[in-house]
Amino acid sequence: MDDIAAVEAYFDGLSEPHRGLLAHVRAVVRDACPEATEAIYYRMPGFRVRGKLLLSYAAHRKHCSIYPASGMVRATLGEELAPYLAAKATIRFTAEDPIPDELVRRIVAVRVEEGTAPKGGR
């Protein structure tokens, strides 16, 4: 099974509202970083940029999550991200409180910067 087929198979196993929430996140990430490639990482769909993990996302019983909320993501997005932080590296959201598109775009931008910064950089 190729990478996109594996991601599609993951989505096929989801029910609503999780399928819709994660399909929307997936579309926002694709739009924010068209060069990213998709695959399954740690049994979750996700994206890589230049060989490095950009982010992954998953459906859980009562919520959906985006990983990782790295130190740079937390420091850069601070209070804007705070309502969605569930653990040190977990961003959690629900159908009742979906993560805003602009916040997803900003997470992607920080992760791209973080992944492409020179060693010892920010």
PDB file of N, CA and C in Angstrom:
ATOM      1  N   MET A   1       0.854  -1.174   0.000  1.00  0.00           N
ATOM      2  CA  MET A   1       0.000   0.000   0.000  1.00  0.00           C
ATOM      3  C   MET A   1       0.901   1.238   0.000  1.00  0.00           C
ATOM      4  N   ASP A   2       0.633   2.186  -0.915  1.00  0.00           N
ATOM      5  CA  ASP A   2       1.459   3.388  -0.937  1.00  0.00           C
ATOM      6  C   ASP A   2       1.033   4.351   0.168  1.00  0.00           C
ATOM      7  N   ASP A   3       1.807   5.418   0.342  1.00  0.00           N
ATOM      8  CA  ASP A   3       1.580   6.338   1.451  1.00  0.00           C
ATOM      9  C   ASP A   3       0.192   6.972   1.438  1.00  0.00           C
ATOM     10  N   ILE A   4      -0.226   7.478   0.293  1.00  0.00           N
ATOM     11  CA  ILE A   4      -1.543   8.132   0.214  1.00  0.00           C
ATOM     12  C   ILE A   4      -2.652   7.112   0.442  1.00  0.00           C
ATOM     13  N   ALA A   5      -2.495   5.910  -0.085  1.00  0.00           N
ATOM     14  CA  ALA A   5      -3.499   4.863   0.132  1.00  0.00           C
ATOM     15  C   ALA A   5      -3.600   4.524   1.614  1.00  0.00           C
ATOM     16  N   ALA A   6      -2.494   4.528   2.323  1.00  0.00           N
ATOM     17  CA  ALA A   6      -2.513   4.253   3.763  1.00  0.00           C
ATOM     18  C   ALA A   6      -3.231   5.366   4.525  1.00  0.00           C
ATOM     19  N   VAL A   7      -3.001   6.606   4.109  1.00  0.00           N
ATOM     20  CA  VAL A   7      -3.708   7.734   4.741  1.00  0.00           C
ATOM     21  C   VAL A   7      -5.204   7.627   4.451  1.00  0.00           C
ATOM     22  N   GLU A   8      -5.557   7.325   3.217  1.00  0.00           N
ATOM     23  CA  GLU A   8      -6.977   7.182   2.853  1.00  0.00           C
ATOM     24  C   GLU A   8      -7.619   6.035   3.641  1.00  0.00           C
ATOM     25  N   ALA A   9      -6.895   4.946   3.829  1.00  0.00           N
ATOM     26  CA  ALA A   9      -7.417   3.823   4.608  1.00  0.00           C
ATOM     27  C   ALA A   9      -7.671   4.253   6.058  1.00  0.00           C
ATOM     28  N   TYR A  10      -6.790   5.082   6.600  1.00  0.00           N
ATOM     29  CA  TYR A  10      -7.001   5.608   7.959  1.00  0.00           C
ATOM     30  C   TYR A  10      -8.328   6.376   7.994  1.00  0.00           C
ATOM     31  N   PHE A  11      -8.544   7.251   7.024  1.00  0.00           N
ATOM     32  CA  PHE A  11      -9.777   8.043   6.981  1.00  0.00           C
ATOM     33  C   PHE A  11     -11.007   7.160   6.790  1.00  0.00           C
ATOM     34  N   ASP A  12     -10.865   6.113   5.995  1.00  0.00           N
ATOM     35  CA  ASP A  12     -11.992   5.198   5.769  1.00  0.00           C
ATOM     36  C   ASP A  12     -12.456   4.554   7.069  1.00  0.00           C
ATOM     37  N   GLY A  13     -11.563   4.408   8.021  1.00  0.00           N
ATOM     38  CA  GLY A  13     -11.904   3.794   9.303  1.00  0.00           C
ATOM     39  C   GLY A  13     -12.510   4.749  10.312  1.00  0.00           C
ATOM     40  N   LEU A  14     -12.617   6.030   9.962  1.00  0.00           N
ATOM     41  CA  LEU A  14     -13.157   7.027  10.891  1.00  0.00           C
ATOM     42  C   LEU A  14     -14.637   7.260  10.663  1.00  0.00           C
ATOM     43  N   SER A  15     -15.315   7.626  11.729  1.00  0.00           N
ATOM     44  CA  SER A  15     -16.705   8.054  11.610  1.00  0.00           C
ATOM     45  C   SER A  15     -16.764   9.555  11.881  1.00  0.00           C
ATOM     46  N   GLU A  16     -17.902  10.131  11.585  1.00  0.00           N
ATOM     47  CA  GLU A  16     -18.097  11.556  11.860  1.00  0.00           C
ATOM     48  C   GLU A  16     -18.300  11.752  13.351  1.00  0.00           C
ATOM     49  N   PRO A  17     -17.907  12.844  13.924  1.00  0.00           N
ATOM     50  CA  PRO A  17     -17.363  14.039  13.280  1.00  0.00           C
ATOM     51  C   PRO A  17     -15.854  13.989  13.054  1.00  0.00           C
ATOM     52  N   HIS A  18     -15.190  12.937  13.533  1.00  0.00           N
ATOM     53  CA  HIS A  18     -13.736  12.874  13.423  1.00  0.00           C
ATOM     54  C   HIS A  18     -13.245  12.941  11.982  1.00  0.00           C
ATOM     55  N   ARG A  19     -13.910  12.229  11.091  1.00  0.00           N
ATOM     56  CA  ARG A  19     -13.472  12.221   9.696  1.00  0.00           C
ATOM     57  C   ARG A  19     -13.475  13.635   9.123  1.00  0.00           C
ATOM     58  N   GLY A  20     -14.553  14.353   9.351  1.00  0.00           N
ATOM     59  CA  GLY A  20     -14.647  15.722   8.838  1.00  0.00           C
ATOM     60  C   GLY A  20     -13.642  16.669   9.467  1.00  0.00           C
ATOM     61  N   LEU A  21     -13.460  16.564  10.773  1.00  0.00           N
ATOM     62  CA  LEU A  21     -12.495  17.423  11.467  1.00  0.00           C
ATOM     63  C   LEU A  21     -11.086  17.206  10.928  1.00  0.00           C
ATOM     64  N   LEU A  22     -10.684  15.946  10.822  1.00  0.00           N
ATOM     65  CA  LEU A  22      -9.322  15.667  10.376  1.00  0.00           C
ATOM     66  C   LEU A  22      -9.140  15.905   8.884  1.00  0.00           C
ATOM     67  N   ALA A  23     -10.179  15.694   8.087  1.00  0.00           N
ATOM     68  CA  ALA A  23     -10.086  16.004   6.659  1.00  0.00           C
ATOM     69  C   ALA A  23      -9.867  17.506   6.477  1.00  0.00           C
ATOM     70  N   HIS A  24     -10.515  18.286   7.312  1.00  0.00           N
ATOM     71  CA  HIS A  24     -10.343  19.739   7.234  1.00  0.00           C
ATOM     72  C   HIS A  24      -8.920  20.131   7.651  1.00  0.00           C
ATOM     73  N   VAL A  25      -8.429  19.575   8.745  1.00  0.00           N
ATOM     74  CA  VAL A  25      -7.048  19.848   9.174  1.00  0.00           C
ATOM     75  C   VAL A  25      -6.080  19.447   8.063  1.00  0.00           C
ATOM     76  N   ARG A  26      -6.289  18.297   7.489  1.00  0.00           N
ATOM     77  CA  ARG A  26      -5.430  17.812   6.399  1.00  0.00           C
ATOM     78  C   ARG A  26      -5.406  18.814   5.246  1.00  0.00           C
ATOM     79  N   ALA A  27      -6.559  19.325   4.863  1.00  0.00           N
ATOM     80  CA  ALA A  27      -6.643  20.291   3.762  1.00  0.00           C
ATOM     81  C   ALA A  27      -5.941  21.599   4.109  1.00  0.00           C
ATOM     82  N   VAL A  28      -6.084  22.057   5.328  1.00  0.00           N
ATOM     83  CA  VAL A  28      -5.426  23.299   5.750  1.00  0.00           C
ATOM     84  C   VAL A  28      -3.911  23.120   5.732  1.00  0.00           C
ATOM     85  N   VAL A  29      -3.422  21.986   6.227  1.00  0.00           N
ATOM     86  CA  VAL A  29      -1.980  21.727   6.225  1.00  0.00           C
ATOM     87  C   VAL A  29      -1.462  21.654   4.793  1.00  0.00           C
ATOM     88  N   ARG A  30      -2.176  20.956   3.923  1.00  0.00           N
ATOM     89  CA  ARG A  30      -1.757  20.859   2.517  1.00  0.00           C
ATOM     90  C   ARG A  30      -1.662  22.239   1.875  1.00  0.00           C
ATOM     91  N   ASP A  31      -2.650  23.089   2.166  1.00  0.00           N
ATOM     92  CA  ASP A  31      -2.673  24.441   1.625  1.00  0.00           C
ATOM     93  C   ASP A  31      -1.524  25.275   2.202  1.00  0.00           C
ATOM     94  N   ALA A  32      -1.253  25.111   3.493  1.00  0.00           N
ATOM     95  CA  ALA A  32      -0.217  25.899   4.163  1.00  0.00           C
ATOM     96  C   ALA A  32       1.190  25.467   3.770  1.00  0.00           C
ATOM     97  N   CYS A  33       1.339  24.209   3.382  1.00  0.00           N
ATOM     98  CA  CYS A  33       2.676  23.690   3.036  1.00  0.00           C
ATOM     99  C   CYS A  33       2.550  22.690   1.889  1.00  0.00           C
ATOM    100  N   PRO A  34       2.360  23.192   0.672  1.00  0.00           N
ATOM    101  CA  PRO A  34       2.149  22.298  -0.476  1.00  0.00           C
ATOM    102  C   PRO A  34       3.293  21.321  -0.733  1.00  0.00           C
ATOM    103  N   GLU A  35       4.503  21.642  -0.280  1.00  0.00           N
ATOM    104  CA  GLU A  35       5.635  20.743  -0.521  1.00  0.00           C
ATOM    105  C   GLU A  35       5.646  19.530   0.411  1.00  0.00           C
ATOM    106  N   ALA A  36       4.812  19.544   1.438  1.00  0.00           N
ATOM    107  CA  ALA A  36       4.781  18.437   2.398  1.00  0.00           C
ATOM    108  C   ALA A  36       4.265  17.163   1.737  1.00  0.00           C
ATOM    109  N   THR A  37       4.821  16.039   2.161  1.00  0.00           N
ATOM    110  CA  THR A  37       4.375  14.744   1.672  1.00  0.00           C
ATOM    111  C   THR A  37       3.657  14.015   2.796  1.00  0.00           C
ATOM    112  N   GLU A  38       2.666  13.217   2.421  1.00  0.00           N
ATOM    113  CA  GLU A  38       1.843  12.517   3.406  1.00  0.00           C
ATOM    114  C   GLU A  38       2.228  11.056   3.529  1.00  0.00           C
ATOM    115  N   ALA A  39       2.060  10.546   4.716  1.00  0.00           N
ATOM    116  CA  ALA A  39       2.262   9.123   4.981  1.00  0.00           C
ATOM    117  C   ALA A  39       1.721   8.823   6.372  1.00  0.00           C
ATOM    118  N   ILE A  40       1.854   7.585   6.778  1.00  0.00           N
ATOM    119  CA  ILE A  40       1.477   7.179   8.131  1.00  0.00           C
ATOM    120  C   ILE A  40       2.752   7.148   8.971  1.00  0.00           C
ATOM    121  N   TYR A  41       2.718   7.822  10.101  1.00  0.00           N
ATOM    122  CA  TYR A  41       3.838   7.877  11.041  1.00  0.00           C
ATOM    123  C   TYR A  41       3.314   7.480  12.409  1.00  0.00           C
ATOM    124  N   TYR A  42       3.915   6.496  13.013  1.00  0.00           N
ATOM    125  CA  TYR A  42       3.478   6.031  14.335  1.00  0.00           C
ATOM    126  C   TYR A  42       1.977   5.719  14.345  1.00  0.00           C
ATOM    127  N   ARG A  43       1.515   5.078  13.281  1.00  0.00           N
ATOM    128  CA  ARG A  43       0.108   4.677  13.104  1.00  0.00           C
ATOM    129  C   ARG A  43      -0.855   5.854  12.994  1.00  0.00           C
ATOM    130  N   MET A  44      -0.352   7.032  12.657  1.00  0.00           N
ATOM    131  CA  MET A  44      -1.188   8.222  12.467  1.00  0.00           C
ATOM    132  C   MET A  44      -0.839   8.861  11.126  1.00  0.00           C
ATOM    133  N   PRO A  45      -1.827   9.474  10.447  1.00  0.00           N
ATOM    134  CA  PRO A  45      -1.484  10.217   9.238  1.00  0.00           C
ATOM    135  C   PRO A  45      -0.684  11.452   9.616  1.00  0.00           C
ATOM    136  N   GLY A  46       0.192  11.831   8.713  1.00  0.00           N
ATOM    137  CA  GLY A  46       0.997  13.014   8.982  1.00  0.00           C
ATOM    138  C   GLY A  46       1.693  13.511   7.737  1.00  0.00           C
ATOM    139  N   PHE A  47       2.518  14.513   7.947  1.00  0.00           N
ATOM    140  CA  PHE A  47       3.223  15.184   6.862  1.00  0.00           C
ATOM    141  C   PHE A  47       4.703  15.292   7.187  1.00  0.00           C
ATOM    142  N   ARG A  48       5.522  15.209   6.132  1.00  0.00           N
ATOM    143  CA  ARG A  48       6.962  15.441   6.244  1.00  0.00           C
ATOM    144  C   ARG A  48       7.337  16.553   5.271  1.00  0.00           C
ATOM    145  N   VAL A  49       8.362  17.309   5.656  1.00  0.00           N
ATOM    146  CA  VAL A  49       8.933  18.334   4.791  1.00  0.00           C
ATOM    147  C   VAL A  49      10.440  18.138   4.800  1.00  0.00           C
ATOM    148  N   ARG A  50      11.005  17.992   3.624  1.00  0.00           N
ATOM    149  CA  ARG A  50      12.448  17.797   3.487  1.00  0.00           C
ATOM    150  C   ARG A  50      12.957  16.684   4.394  1.00  0.00           C
ATOM    151  N   GLY A  51      12.192  15.611   4.470  1.00  0.00           N
ATOM    152  CA  GLY A  51      12.598  14.436   5.230  1.00  0.00           C
ATOM    153  C   GLY A  51      12.339  14.498   6.727  1.00  0.00           C
ATOM    154  N   LYS A  52      11.789  15.601   7.217  1.00  0.00           N
ATOM    155  CA  LYS A  52      11.547  15.734   8.656  1.00  0.00           C
ATOM    156  C   LYS A  52      10.050  15.795   8.927  1.00  0.00           C
ATOM    157  N   LEU A  53       9.651  15.200  10.053  1.00  0.00           N
ATOM    158  CA  LEU A  53       8.244  15.208  10.423  1.00  0.00           C
ATOM    159  C   LEU A  53       7.770  16.635  10.655  1.00  0.00           C
ATOM    160  N   LEU A  54       6.730  17.017   9.949  1.00  0.00           N
ATOM    161  CA  LEU A  54       6.100  18.324  10.138  1.00  0.00           C
ATOM    162  C   LEU A  54       5.095  18.212  11.269  1.00  0.00           C
ATOM    163  N   LEU A  55       4.134  17.326  11.097  1.00  0.00           N
ATOM    164  CA  LEU A  55       3.156  17.047  12.141  1.00  0.00           C
ATOM    165  C   LEU A  55       2.386  15.799  11.786  1.00  0.00           C
ATOM    166  N   SER A  56       1.755  15.234  12.779  1.00  0.00           N
ATOM    167  CA  SER A  56       0.833  14.123  12.562  1.00  0.00           C
ATOM    168  C   SER A  56      -0.459  14.465  13.297  1.00  0.00           C
ATOM    169  N   TYR A  57      -1.496  13.717  12.996  1.00  0.00           N
ATOM    170  CA  TYR A  57      -2.799  13.988  13.600  1.00  0.00           C
ATOM    171  C   TYR A  57      -3.540  12.682  13.770  1.00  0.00           C
ATOM    172  N   ALA A  58      -4.496  12.680  14.694  1.00  0.00           N
ATOM    173  CA  ALA A  58      -5.195  11.422  14.973  1.00  0.00           C
ATOM    174  C   ALA A  58      -6.566  11.681  15.573  1.00  0.00           C
ATOM    175  N   ALA A  59      -7.439  10.713  15.376  1.00  0.00           N
ATOM    176  CA  ALA A  59      -8.750  10.715  16.015  1.00  0.00           C
ATOM    177  C   ALA A  59      -8.691   9.828  17.245  1.00  0.00           C
ATOM    178  N   HIS A  60      -9.310  10.278  18.292  1.00  0.00           N
ATOM    179  CA  HIS A  60      -9.431   9.502  19.523  1.00  0.00           C
ATOM    180  C   HIS A  60     -10.919   9.413  19.852  1.00  0.00           C
ATOM    181  N   ARG A  61     -11.244   8.712  20.867  1.00  0.00           N
ATOM    182  CA  ARG A  61     -12.653   8.455  21.170  1.00  0.00           C
ATOM    183  C   ARG A  61     -13.487   9.735  21.284  1.00  0.00           C
ATOM    184  N   LYS A  62     -12.994  10.726  22.025  1.00  0.00           N
ATOM    185  CA  LYS A  62     -13.790  11.932  22.277  1.00  0.00           C
ATOM    186  C   LYS A  62     -13.183  13.207  21.703  1.00  0.00           C
ATOM    187  N   HIS A  63     -12.053  13.106  21.025  1.00  0.00           N
ATOM    188  CA  HIS A  63     -11.400  14.299  20.501  1.00  0.00           C
ATOM    189  C   HIS A  63     -10.459  13.919  19.357  1.00  0.00           C
ATOM    190  N   CYS A  64      -9.872  14.939  18.761  1.00  0.00           N
ATOM    191  CA  CYS A  64      -8.814  14.755  17.766  1.00  0.00           C
ATOM    192  C   CYS A  64      -7.583  15.485  18.273  1.00  0.00           C
ATOM    193  N   SER A  65      -6.420  15.094  17.773  1.00  0.00           N
ATOM    194  CA  SER A  65      -5.168  15.697  18.220  1.00  0.00           C
ATOM    195  C   SER A  65      -4.233  15.951  17.058  1.00  0.00           C
ATOM    196  N   ILE A  66      -3.356  16.940  17.271  1.00  0.00           N
ATOM    197  CA  ILE A  66      -2.246  17.240  16.374  1.00  0.00           C
ATOM    198  C   ILE A  66      -0.987  17.103  17.209  1.00  0.00           C
ATOM    199  N   TYR A  67       0.039  16.506  16.619  1.00  0.00           N
ATOM    200  CA  TYR A  67       1.325  16.318  17.287  1.00  0.00           C
ATOM    201  C   TYR A  67       2.431  16.811  16.352  1.00  0.00           C
ATOM    202  N   PRO A  68       3.530  17.283  16.793  1.00  0.00           N
ATOM    203  CA  PRO A  68       3.810  17.672  18.169  1.00  0.00           C
ATOM    204  C   PRO A  68       3.595  19.162  18.379  1.00  0.00           C
ATOM    205  N   ALA A  69       3.277  19.496  19.597  1.00  0.00           N
ATOM    206  CA  ALA A  69       3.296  20.887  20.030  1.00  0.00           C
ATOM    207  C   ALA A  69       4.692  21.075  20.624  1.00  0.00           C
ATOM    208  N   SER A  70       5.663  21.249  19.757  1.00  0.00           N
ATOM    209  CA  SER A  70       7.060  21.345  20.186  1.00  0.00           C
ATOM    210  C   SER A  70       7.280  22.562  21.073  1.00  0.00           C
ATOM    211  N   GLY A  71       8.419  22.609  21.687  1.00  0.00           N
ATOM    212  CA  GLY A  71       8.757  23.760  22.520  1.00  0.00           C
ATOM    213  C   GLY A  71       8.687  25.058  21.741  1.00  0.00           C
ATOM    214  N   MET A  72       9.143  25.028  20.496  1.00  0.00           N
ATOM    215  CA  MET A  72       9.101  26.234  19.669  1.00  0.00           C
ATOM    216  C   MET A  72       7.662  26.617  19.332  1.00  0.00           C
ATOM    217  N   VAL A  73       6.818  25.630  19.053  1.00  0.00           N
ATOM    218  CA  VAL A  73       5.403  25.911  18.772  1.00  0.00           C
ATOM    219  C   VAL A  73       4.764  26.537  20.007  1.00  0.00           C
ATOM    220  N   ARG A  74       4.994  25.937  21.167  1.00  0.00           N
ATOM    221  CA  ARG A  74       4.400  26.461  22.408  1.00  0.00           C
ATOM    222  C   ARG A  74       4.907  27.871  22.715  1.00  0.00           C
ATOM    223  N   ALA A  75       6.208  28.100  22.552  1.00  0.00           N
ATOM    224  CA  ALA A  75       6.783  29.410  22.855  1.00  0.00           C
ATOM    225  C   ALA A  75       6.297  30.477  21.876  1.00  0.00           C
ATOM    226  N   THR A  76       6.212  30.122  20.611  1.00  0.00           N
ATOM    227  CA  THR A  76       5.827  31.092  19.584  1.00  0.00           C
ATOM    228  C   THR A  76       4.337  31.421  19.631  1.00  0.00           C
ATOM    229  N   LEU A  77       3.508  30.423  19.859  1.00  0.00           N
ATOM    230  CA  LEU A  77       2.061  30.627  19.777  1.00  0.00           C
ATOM    231  C   LEU A  77       1.403  30.849  21.135  1.00  0.00           C
ATOM    232  N   GLY A  78       2.119  30.597  22.209  1.00  0.00           N
ATOM    233  CA  GLY A  78       1.717  30.909  23.571  1.00  0.00           C
ATOM    234  C   GLY A  78       0.241  30.832  23.896  1.00  0.00           C
ATOM    235  N   GLU A  79      -0.325  31.966  24.243  1.00  0.00           N
ATOM    236  CA  GLU A  79      -1.713  32.037  24.700  1.00  0.00           C
ATOM    237  C   GLU A  79      -2.711  31.624  23.627  1.00  0.00           C
ATOM    238  N   GLU A  80      -2.371  31.850  22.376  1.00  0.00           N
ATOM    239  CA  GLU A  80      -3.260  31.456  21.279  1.00  0.00           C
ATOM    240  C   GLU A  80      -3.431  29.933  21.237  1.00  0.00           C
ATOM    241  N   LEU A  81      -2.376  29.225  21.579  1.00  0.00           N
ATOM    242  CA  LEU A  81      -2.393  27.765  21.554  1.00  0.00           C
ATOM    243  C   LEU A  81      -2.898  27.168  22.861  1.00  0.00           C
ATOM    244  N   ALA A  82      -2.748  27.895  23.946  1.00  0.00           N
ATOM    245  CA  ALA A  82      -3.032  27.381  25.297  1.00  0.00           C
ATOM    246  C   ALA A  82      -4.372  26.657  25.448  1.00  0.00           C
ATOM    247  N   PRO A  83      -5.470  27.163  24.886  1.00  0.00           N
ATOM    248  CA  PRO A  83      -6.744  26.447  25.075  1.00  0.00           C
ATOM    249  C   PRO A  83      -6.781  25.047  24.464  1.00  0.00           C
ATOM    250  N   TYR A  84      -5.857  24.763  23.572  1.00  0.00           N
ATOM    251  CA  TYR A  84      -5.848  23.475  22.874  1.00  0.00           C
ATOM    252  C   TYR A  84      -4.770  22.522  23.374  1.00  0.00           C
ATOM    253  N   LEU A  85      -3.905  22.986  24.258  1.00  0.00           N
ATOM    254  CA  LEU A  85      -2.851  22.120  24.775  1.00  0.00           C
ATOM    255  C   LEU A  85      -3.417  21.151  25.797  1.00  0.00           C
ATOM    256  N   ALA A  86      -3.171  19.870  25.576  1.00  0.00           N
ATOM    257  CA  ALA A  86      -3.672  18.851  26.497  1.00  0.00           C
ATOM    258  C   ALA A  86      -2.532  18.186  27.246  1.00  0.00           C
ATOM    259  N   ALA A  87      -1.358  18.245  26.691  1.00  0.00           N
ATOM    260  CA  ALA A  87      -0.161  17.678  27.292  1.00  0.00           C
ATOM    261  C   ALA A  87       1.010  18.433  26.690  1.00  0.00           C
ATOM    262  N   LYS A  88       2.185  18.124  27.120  1.00  0.00           N
ATOM    263  CA  LYS A  88       3.362  18.863  26.676  1.00  0.00           C
ATOM    264  C   LYS A  88       3.457  18.971  25.149  1.00  0.00           C
ATOM    265  N   ALA A  89       3.153  17.912  24.437  1.00  0.00           N
ATOM    266  CA  ALA A  89       3.308  17.928  22.977  1.00  0.00           C
ATOM    267  C   ALA A  89       2.013  17.641  22.233  1.00  0.00           C
ATOM    268  N   THR A  90       0.867  17.751  22.908  1.00  0.00           N
ATOM    269  CA  THR A  90      -0.411  17.386  22.295  1.00  0.00           C
ATOM    270  C   THR A  90      -1.341  18.580  22.174  1.00  0.00           C
ATOM    271  N   ILE A  91      -1.849  18.778  20.967  1.00  0.00           N
ATOM    272  CA  ILE A  91      -2.858  19.795  20.699  1.00  0.00           C
ATOM    273  C   ILE A  91      -4.167  19.045  20.499  1.00  0.00           C
ATOM    274  N   ARG A  92      -5.158  19.358  21.308  1.00  0.00           N
ATOM    275  CA  ARG A  92      -6.410  18.601  21.306  1.00  0.00           C
ATOM    276  C   ARG A  92      -7.573  19.519  20.947  1.00  0.00           C
ATOM    277  N   PHE A  93      -8.518  18.994  20.142  1.00  0.00           N
ATOM    278  CA  PHE A  93      -9.700  19.763  19.754  1.00  0.00           C
ATOM    279  C   PHE A  93     -10.873  18.818  19.513  1.00  0.00           C
ATOM    280  N   THR A  94     -12.059  19.382  19.501  1.00  0.00           N
ATOM    281  CA  THR A  94     -13.288  18.601  19.329  1.00  0.00           C
ATOM    282  C   THR A  94     -14.166  19.255  18.268  1.00  0.00           C
ATOM    283  N   ALA A  95     -15.234  18.587  17.910  1.00  0.00           N
ATOM    284  CA  ALA A  95     -16.199  19.163  16.976  1.00  0.00           C
ATOM    285  C   ALA A  95     -16.854  20.396  17.578  1.00  0.00           C
ATOM    286  N   GLU A  96     -17.035  20.382  18.899  1.00  0.00           N
ATOM    287  CA  GLU A  96     -17.659  21.520  19.575  1.00  0.00           C
ATOM    288  C   GLU A  96     -16.696  22.704  19.689  1.00  0.00           C
ATOM    289  N   ASP A  97     -15.412  22.433  19.686  1.00  0.00           N
ATOM    290  CA  ASP A  97     -14.387  23.474  19.792  1.00  0.00           C
ATOM    291  C   ASP A  97     -13.253  23.147  18.813  1.00  0.00           C
ATOM    292  N   PRO A  98     -13.514  23.297  17.507  1.00  0.00           N
ATOM    293  CA  PRO A  98     -12.493  22.944  16.514  1.00  0.00           C
ATOM    294  C   PRO A  98     -11.329  23.935  16.554  1.00  0.00           C
ATOM    295  N   ILE A  99     -10.181  23.470  16.139  1.00  0.00           N
ATOM    296  CA  ILE A  99      -9.004  24.329  16.098  1.00  0.00           C
ATOM    297  C   ILE A  99      -9.147  25.278  14.907  1.00  0.00           C
ATOM    298  N   PRO A 100      -8.908  26.558  15.116  1.00  0.00           N
ATOM    299  CA  PRO A 100      -9.057  27.525  14.009  1.00  0.00           C
ATOM    300  C   PRO A 100      -8.046  27.273  12.887  1.00  0.00           C
ATOM    301  N   ASP A 101      -8.494  27.480  11.661  1.00  0.00           N
ATOM    302  CA  ASP A 101      -7.628  27.275  10.494  1.00  0.00           C
ATOM    303  C   ASP A 101      -6.352  28.106  10.602  1.00  0.00           C
ATOM    304  N   GLU A 102      -6.475  29.350  11.008  1.00  0.00           N
ATOM    305  CA  GLU A 102      -5.305  30.221  11.085  1.00  0.00           C
ATOM    306  C   GLU A 102      -4.297  29.692  12.106  1.00  0.00           C
ATOM    307  N   LEU A 103      -4.778  29.105  13.183  1.00  0.00           N
ATOM    308  CA  LEU A 103      -3.869  28.529  14.169  1.00  0.00           C
ATOM    309  C   LEU A 103      -3.138  27.320  13.567  1.00  0.00           C
ATOM    310  N   VAL A 104      -3.836  26.492  12.811  1.00  0.00           N
ATOM    311  CA  VAL A 104      -3.184  25.356  12.145  1.00  0.00           C
ATOM    312  C   VAL A 104      -2.111  25.873  11.185  1.00  0.00           C
ATOM    313  N   ARG A 105      -2.434  26.921  10.425  1.00  0.00           N
ATOM    314  CA  ARG A 105      -1.449  27.493   9.506  1.00  0.00           C
ATOM    315  C   ARG A 105      -0.220  28.001  10.257  1.00  0.00           C
ATOM    316  N   ARG A 106      -0.438  28.620  11.391  1.00  0.00           N
ATOM    317  CA  ARG A 106       0.684  29.142  12.176  1.00  0.00           C
ATOM    318  C   ARG A 106       1.511  28.004  12.774  1.00  0.00           C
ATOM    319  N   ILE A 107       0.855  26.931  13.207  1.00  0.00           N
ATOM    320  CA  ILE A 107       1.586  25.751  13.701  1.00  0.00           C
ATOM    321  C   ILE A 107       2.472  25.203  12.587  1.00  0.00           C
ATOM    322  N   VAL A 108       1.909  25.081  11.398  1.00  0.00           N
ATOM    323  CA  VAL A 108       2.675  24.578  10.250  1.00  0.00           C
ATOM    324  C   VAL A 108       3.871  25.483   9.976  1.00  0.00           C
ATOM    325  N   ALA A 109       3.658  26.793   9.972  1.00  0.00           N
ATOM    326  CA  ALA A 109       4.749  27.733   9.689  1.00  0.00           C
ATOM    327  C   ALA A 109       5.876  27.598  10.715  1.00  0.00           C
ATOM    328  N   VAL A 110       5.522  27.475  11.982  1.00  0.00           N
ATOM    329  CA  VAL A 110       6.541  27.323  13.021  1.00  0.00           C
ATOM    330  C   VAL A 110       7.272  26.001  12.858  1.00  0.00           C
ATOM    331  N   ARG A 111       6.529  24.929  12.589  1.00  0.00           N
ATOM    332  CA  ARG A 111       7.169  23.619  12.427  1.00  0.00           C
ATOM    333  C   ARG A 111       8.088  23.599  11.201  1.00  0.00           C
ATOM    334  N   VAL A 112       7.698  24.268  10.120  1.00  0.00           N
ATOM    335  CA  VAL A 112       8.569  24.340   8.934  1.00  0.00           C
ATOM    336  C   VAL A 112       9.839  25.096   9.310  1.00  0.00           C
ATOM    337  N   GLU A 113       9.682  26.232   9.972  1.00  0.00           N
ATOM    338  CA  GLU A 113      10.852  27.014  10.397  1.00  0.00           C
ATOM    339  C   GLU A 113      11.742  26.176  11.316  1.00  0.00           C
ATOM    340  N   GLU A 114      11.119  25.502  12.251  1.00  0.00           N
ATOM    341  CA  GLU A 114      11.856  24.677  13.215  1.00  0.00           C
ATOM    342  C   GLU A 114      12.614  23.546  12.514  1.00  0.00           C
ATOM    343  N   GLY A 115      11.977  22.927  11.568  1.00  0.00           N
ATOM    344  CA  GLY A 115      12.592  21.797  10.881  1.00  0.00           C
ATOM    345  C   GLY A 115      13.656  22.173   9.879  1.00  0.00           C
ATOM    346  N   THR A 116      13.653  23.425   9.451  1.00  0.00           N
ATOM    347  CA  THR A 116      14.620  23.853   8.452  1.00  0.00           C
ATOM    348  C   THR A 116      15.659  24.813   9.016  1.00  0.00           C
ATOM    349  N   ALA A 117      15.526  25.148  10.311  1.00  0.00           N
ATOM    350  CA  ALA A 117      16.503  26.044  10.928  1.00  0.00           C
ATOM    351  C   ALA A 117      17.847  25.336  11.053  1.00  0.00           C
ATOM    352  N   PRO A 118      18.937  26.083  10.963  1.00  0.00           N
ATOM    353  CA  PRO A 118      20.249  25.465  11.155  1.00  0.00           C
ATOM    354  C   PRO A 118      20.382  24.920  12.570  1.00  0.00           C
ATOM    355  N   LYS A 119      21.205  23.893  12.736  1.00  0.00           N
ATOM    356  CA  LYS A 119      21.459  23.331  14.078  1.00  0.00           C
ATOM    357  C   LYS A 119      21.932  24.439  14.997  1.00  0.00           C
ATOM    358  N   GLY A 120      21.404  24.414  16.229  1.00  0.00           N
ATOM    359  CA  GLY A 120      21.778  25.439  17.192  1.00  0.00           C
ATOM    360  C   GLY A 120      20.935  26.689  17.039  1.00  0.00           C
ATOM    361  N   GLY A 121      20.066  26.708  16.009  1.00  0.00           N
ATOM    362  CA  GLY A 121      19.177  27.845  15.807  1.00  0.00           C
ATOM    363  C   GLY A 121      18.041  27.807  16.796  1.00  0.00           C
ATOM    364  N   ARG A 122      17.153  28.663  16.642  1.00  0.00           N
ATOM    365  CA  ARG A 122      16.007  28.844  17.538  1.00  0.00           C
ATOM    366  C   ARG A 122      15.368  27.600  17.985  1.00  0.00           C
TER     367      ARG A 122
END
